[in-house]
């Protein structure tokens, strides 16, 4: 959706996207990491969190 909007409006896509790690509460990210991904937070890729 963001990609489509950026294409139509002419905005730069990289300016519209923010890493998930920067957008999620750190405590919630810890819970996500522990229960879903079984990884330390620094080892989790942005693509894994979005999926």
PDB file of N, CA and C in Angstrom:
ATOM      1  N   UNK A   1       0.821  -1.191   0.000  1.00  0.00           N
ATOM      2  CA  UNK A   1       0.000   0.000   0.000  1.00  0.00           C
ATOM      3  C   UNK A   1       0.870   1.262   0.000  1.00  0.00           C
ATOM      4  N   UNK A   2       1.895   1.280   0.838  1.00  0.00           N
ATOM      5  CA  UNK A   2       2.791   2.437   0.883  1.00  0.00           C
ATOM      6  C   UNK A   2       3.532   2.565  -0.440  1.00  0.00           C
ATOM      7  N   UNK A   3       3.956   1.435  -0.978  1.00  0.00           N
ATOM      8  CA  UNK A   3       4.676   1.443  -2.254  1.00  0.00           C
ATOM      9  C   UNK A   3       3.786   2.010  -3.358  1.00  0.00           C
ATOM     10  N   UNK A   4       2.528   1.598  -3.387  1.00  0.00           N
ATOM     11  CA  UNK A   4       1.587   2.080  -4.398  1.00  0.00           C
ATOM     12  C   UNK A   4       1.354   3.585  -4.251  1.00  0.00           C
ATOM     13  N   UNK A   5       1.167   4.044  -3.010  1.00  0.00           N
ATOM     14  CA  UNK A   5       0.947   5.473  -2.774  1.00  0.00           C
ATOM     15  C   UNK A   5       2.158   6.286  -3.203  1.00  0.00           C
ATOM     16  N   UNK A   6       3.350   5.784  -2.898  1.00  0.00           N
ATOM     17  CA  UNK A   6       4.572   6.498  -3.262  1.00  0.00           C
ATOM     18  C   UNK A   6       4.724   6.597  -4.773  1.00  0.00           C
ATOM     19  N   UNK A   7       4.359   5.530  -5.467  1.00  0.00           N
ATOM     20  CA  UNK A   7       4.450   5.531  -6.922  1.00  0.00           C
ATOM     21  C   UNK A   7       3.505   6.564  -7.523  1.00  0.00           C
ATOM     22  N   UNK A   8       2.290   6.613  -7.011  1.00  0.00           N
ATOM     23  CA  UNK A   8       1.296   7.555  -7.547  1.00  0.00           C
ATOM     24  C   UNK A   8       1.621   9.004  -7.218  1.00  0.00           C
ATOM     25  N   UNK A   9       2.124   9.247  -6.012  1.00  0.00           N
ATOM     26  CA  UNK A   9       2.360  10.626  -5.581  1.00  0.00           C
ATOM     27  C   UNK A   9       3.740  11.153  -5.956  1.00  0.00           C
ATOM     28  N   UNK A  10       4.649  10.232  -6.325  1.00  0.00           N
ATOM     29  CA  UNK A  10       6.000  10.649  -6.666  1.00  0.00           C
ATOM     30  C   UNK A  10       6.923  10.763  -5.463  1.00  0.00           C
ATOM     31  N   UNK A  11       6.445  10.360  -4.274  1.00  0.00           N
ATOM     32  CA  UNK A  11       7.286  10.378  -3.072  1.00  0.00           C
ATOM     33  C   UNK A  11       8.381   9.329  -3.195  1.00  0.00           C
ATOM     34  N   UNK A  12       9.475   9.565  -2.486  1.00  0.00           N
ATOM     35  CA  UNK A  12      10.536   8.561  -2.427  1.00  0.00           C
ATOM     36  C   UNK A  12      10.106   7.473  -1.456  1.00  0.00           C
ATOM     37  N   UNK A  13      10.192   6.226  -1.877  1.00  0.00           N
ATOM     38  CA  UNK A  13       9.754   5.107  -1.049  1.00  0.00           C
ATOM     39  C   UNK A  13      10.590   4.983   0.214  1.00  0.00           C
ATOM     40  N   UNK A  14      11.904   5.171   0.111  1.00  0.00           N
ATOM     41  CA  UNK A  14      12.761   5.004   1.288  1.00  0.00           C
ATOM     42  C   UNK A  14      12.445   6.030   2.377  1.00  0.00           C
ATOM     43  N   UNK A  15      11.885   7.146   2.020  1.00  0.00           N
ATOM     44  CA  UNK A  15      11.496   8.140   3.013  1.00  0.00           C
ATOM     45  C   UNK A  15      10.170   7.818   3.681  1.00  0.00           C
ATOM     46  N   UNK A  16       9.410   6.941   3.068  1.00  0.00           N
ATOM     47  CA  UNK A  16       8.100   6.571   3.604  1.00  0.00           C
ATOM     48  C   UNK A  16       8.148   5.363   4.522  1.00  0.00           C
ATOM     49  N   UNK A  17       9.187   4.570   4.402  1.00  0.00           N
ATOM     50  CA  UNK A  17       9.286   3.344   5.185  1.00  0.00           C
ATOM     51  C   UNK A  17      10.197   3.539   6.385  1.00  0.00           C
ATOM     52  N   UNK A  18       9.830   2.953   7.492  1.00  0.00           N
ATOM     53  CA  UNK A  18      10.638   2.980   8.707  1.00  0.00           C
ATOM     54  C   UNK A  18      10.852   1.546   9.154  1.00  0.00           C
ATOM     55  N   UNK A  19      12.019   1.232   9.670  1.00  0.00           N
ATOM     56  CA  UNK A  19      12.237  -0.128  10.166  1.00  0.00           C
ATOM     57  C   UNK A  19      11.241  -0.464  11.275  1.00  0.00           C
ATOM     58  N   UNK A  20      10.783  -1.704  11.277  1.00  0.00           N
ATOM     59  CA  UNK A  20       9.821  -2.140  12.288  1.00  0.00           C
ATOM     60  C   UNK A  20      10.407  -1.983  13.680  1.00  0.00           C
ATOM     61  N   UNK A  21      11.707  -2.269  13.828  1.00  0.00           N
ATOM     62  CA  UNK A  21      12.342  -2.149  15.142  1.00  0.00           C
ATOM     63  C   UNK A  21      12.199  -0.740  15.709  1.00  0.00           C
ATOM     64  N   UNK A  22      12.208   0.262  14.854  1.00  0.00           N
ATOM     65  CA  UNK A  22      12.110   1.649  15.306  1.00  0.00           C
ATOM     66  C   UNK A  22      10.668   2.061  15.596  1.00  0.00           C
ATOM     67  N   UNK A  23       9.701   1.300  15.102  1.00  0.00           N
ATOM     68  CA  UNK A  23       8.295   1.668  15.240  1.00  0.00           C
ATOM     69  C   UNK A  23       7.566   0.914  16.347  1.00  0.00           C
ATOM     70  N   UNK A  24       8.174  -0.140  16.865  1.00  0.00           N
ATOM     71  CA  UNK A  24       7.507  -0.992  17.855  1.00  0.00           C
ATOM     72  C   UNK A  24       8.104  -0.738  19.235  1.00  0.00           C
ATOM     73  N   UNK A  25       7.251  -0.716  20.238  1.00  0.00           N
ATOM     74  CA  UNK A  25       7.686  -0.564  21.623  1.00  0.00           C
ATOM     75  C   UNK A  25       8.729  -1.643  21.943  1.00  0.00           C
ATOM     76  N   UNK A  26       9.871  -1.279  22.520  1.00  0.00           N
ATOM     77  CA  UNK A  26      10.937  -2.250  22.793  1.00  0.00           C
ATOM     78  C   UNK A  26      10.488  -3.451  23.624  1.00  0.00           C
ATOM     79  N   UNK A  27       9.610  -3.238  24.600  1.00  0.00           N
ATOM     80  CA  UNK A  27       9.129  -4.366  25.408  1.00  0.00           C
ATOM     81  C   UNK A  27       8.284  -5.322  24.576  1.00  0.00           C
ATOM     82  N   UNK A  28       7.457  -4.777  23.706  1.00  0.00           N
ATOM     83  CA  UNK A  28       6.648  -5.606  22.822  1.00  0.00           C
ATOM     84  C   UNK A  28       7.541  -6.366  21.845  1.00  0.00           C
ATOM     85  N   UNK A  29       8.581  -5.718  21.366  1.00  0.00           N
ATOM     86  CA  UNK A  29       9.525  -6.368  20.467  1.00  0.00           C
ATOM     87  C   UNK A  29      10.220  -7.539  21.154  1.00  0.00           C
ATOM     88  N   UNK A  30      10.557  -7.383  22.422  1.00  0.00           N
ATOM     89  CA  UNK A  30      11.161  -8.482  23.183  1.00  0.00           C
ATOM     90  C   UNK A  30      10.213  -9.677  23.259  1.00  0.00           C
ATOM     91  N   UNK A  31       8.932  -9.408  23.515  1.00  0.00           N
ATOM     92  CA  UNK A  31       7.941 -10.483  23.596  1.00  0.00           C
ATOM     93  C   UNK A  31       7.792 -11.168  22.240  1.00  0.00           C
ATOM     94  N   UNK A  32       7.711 -10.382  21.182  1.00  0.00           N
ATOM     95  CA  UNK A  32       7.621 -10.932  19.833  1.00  0.00           C
ATOM     96  C   UNK A  32       8.818 -11.816  19.533  1.00  0.00           C
ATOM     97  N   UNK A  33       9.980 -11.312  19.861  1.00  0.00           N
ATOM     98  CA  UNK A  33      11.204 -12.070  19.616  1.00  0.00           C
ATOM     99  C   UNK A  33      11.180 -13.391  20.363  1.00  0.00           C
ATOM    100  N   UNK A  34      10.813 -13.367  21.614  1.00  0.00           N
ATOM    101  CA  UNK A  34      10.872 -14.557  22.451  1.00  0.00           C
ATOM    102  C   UNK A  34       9.850 -15.614  22.036  1.00  0.00           C
ATOM    103  N   UNK A  35       8.611 -15.209  21.851  1.00  0.00           N
ATOM    104  CA  UNK A  35       7.547 -16.178  21.594  1.00  0.00           C
ATOM    105  C   UNK A  35       7.378 -16.558  20.129  1.00  0.00           C
ATOM    106  N   UNK A  36       7.675 -15.667  19.216  1.00  0.00           N
ATOM    107  CA  UNK A  36       7.431 -15.946  17.806  1.00  0.00           C
ATOM    108  C   UNK A  36       8.687 -16.297  17.014  1.00  0.00           C
ATOM    109  N   UNK A  37       9.744 -15.549  17.191  1.00  0.00           N
ATOM    110  CA  UNK A  37      10.922 -15.703  16.339  1.00  0.00           C
ATOM    111  C   UNK A  37      12.045 -16.491  16.991  1.00  0.00           C
ATOM    112  N   UNK A  38      12.040 -16.599  18.319  1.00  0.00           N
ATOM    113  CA  UNK A  38      13.074 -17.330  19.067  1.00  0.00           C
ATOM    114  C   UNK A  38      14.481 -16.820  18.751  1.00  0.00           C
ATOM    115  N   UNK A  39      14.610 -15.488  18.668  1.00  0.00           N
ATOM    116  CA  UNK A  39      15.898 -14.862  18.366  1.00  0.00           C
ATOM    117  C   UNK A  39      16.112 -13.660  19.276  1.00  0.00           C
ATOM    118  N   UNK A  40      17.384 -13.256  19.422  1.00  0.00           N
ATOM    119  CA  UNK A  40      17.665 -12.002  20.115  1.00  0.00           C
ATOM    120  C   UNK A  40      17.250 -10.857  19.198  1.00  0.00           C
ATOM    121  N   UNK A  41      16.832  -9.755  19.767  1.00  0.00           N
ATOM    122  CA  UNK A  41      16.278  -8.647  18.989  1.00  0.00           C
ATOM    123  C   UNK A  41      17.244  -8.148  17.921  1.00  0.00           C
ATOM    124  N   UNK A  42      18.512  -8.022  18.245  1.00  0.00           N
ATOM    125  CA  UNK A  42      19.482  -7.503  17.276  1.00  0.00           C
ATOM    126  C   UNK A  42      19.663  -8.422  16.078  1.00  0.00           C
ATOM    127  N   UNK A  43      19.314  -9.707  16.209  1.00  0.00           N
ATOM    128  CA  UNK A  43      19.479 -10.665  15.116  1.00  0.00           C
ATOM    129  C   UNK A  43      18.245 -10.760  14.225  1.00  0.00           C
ATOM    130  N   UNK A  44      17.158 -10.098  14.604  1.00  0.00           N
ATOM    131  CA  UNK A  44      15.917 -10.177  13.842  1.00  0.00           C
ATOM    132  C   UNK A  44      15.969  -9.185  12.687  1.00  0.00           C
ATOM    133  N   UNK A  45      15.695  -9.676  11.491  1.00  0.00           N
ATOM    134  CA  UNK A  45      15.685  -8.820  10.310  1.00  0.00           C
ATOM    135  C   UNK A  45      14.331  -8.130  10.183  1.00  0.00           C
ATOM    136  N   UNK A  46      14.326  -6.950   9.613  1.00  0.00           N
ATOM    137  CA  UNK A  46      13.094  -6.199   9.418  1.00  0.00           C
ATOM    138  C   UNK A  46      12.080  -7.019   8.619  1.00  0.00           C
ATOM    139  N   UNK A  47      12.535  -7.756   7.601  1.00  0.00           N
ATOM    140  CA  UNK A  47      11.650  -8.554   6.763  1.00  0.00           C
ATOM    141  C   UNK A  47      10.953  -9.645   7.572  1.00  0.00           C
ATOM    142  N   UNK A  48      11.635 -10.199   8.565  1.00  0.00           N
ATOM    143  CA  UNK A  48      11.040 -11.237   9.406  1.00  0.00           C
ATOM    144  C   UNK A  48       9.914 -10.667  10.258  1.00  0.00           C
ATOM    145  N   UNK A  49      10.049  -9.454  10.710  1.00  0.00           N
ATOM    146  CA  UNK A  49       9.041  -8.847  11.568  1.00  0.00           C
ATOM    147  C   UNK A  49       7.816  -8.422  10.784  1.00  0.00           C
ATOM    148  N   UNK A  50       8.007  -8.033   9.549  1.00  0.00           N
ATOM    149  CA  UNK A  50       6.892  -7.604   8.718  1.00  0.00           C
ATOM    150  C   UNK A  50       6.061  -8.801   8.294  1.00  0.00           C
ATOM    151  N   UNK A  51       6.723  -9.912   8.023  1.00  0.00           N
ATOM    152  CA  UNK A  51       6.019 -11.132   7.578  1.00  0.00           C
ATOM    153  C   UNK A  51       5.253 -11.694   8.699  1.00  0.00           C
TER     154      UNK A  51
END
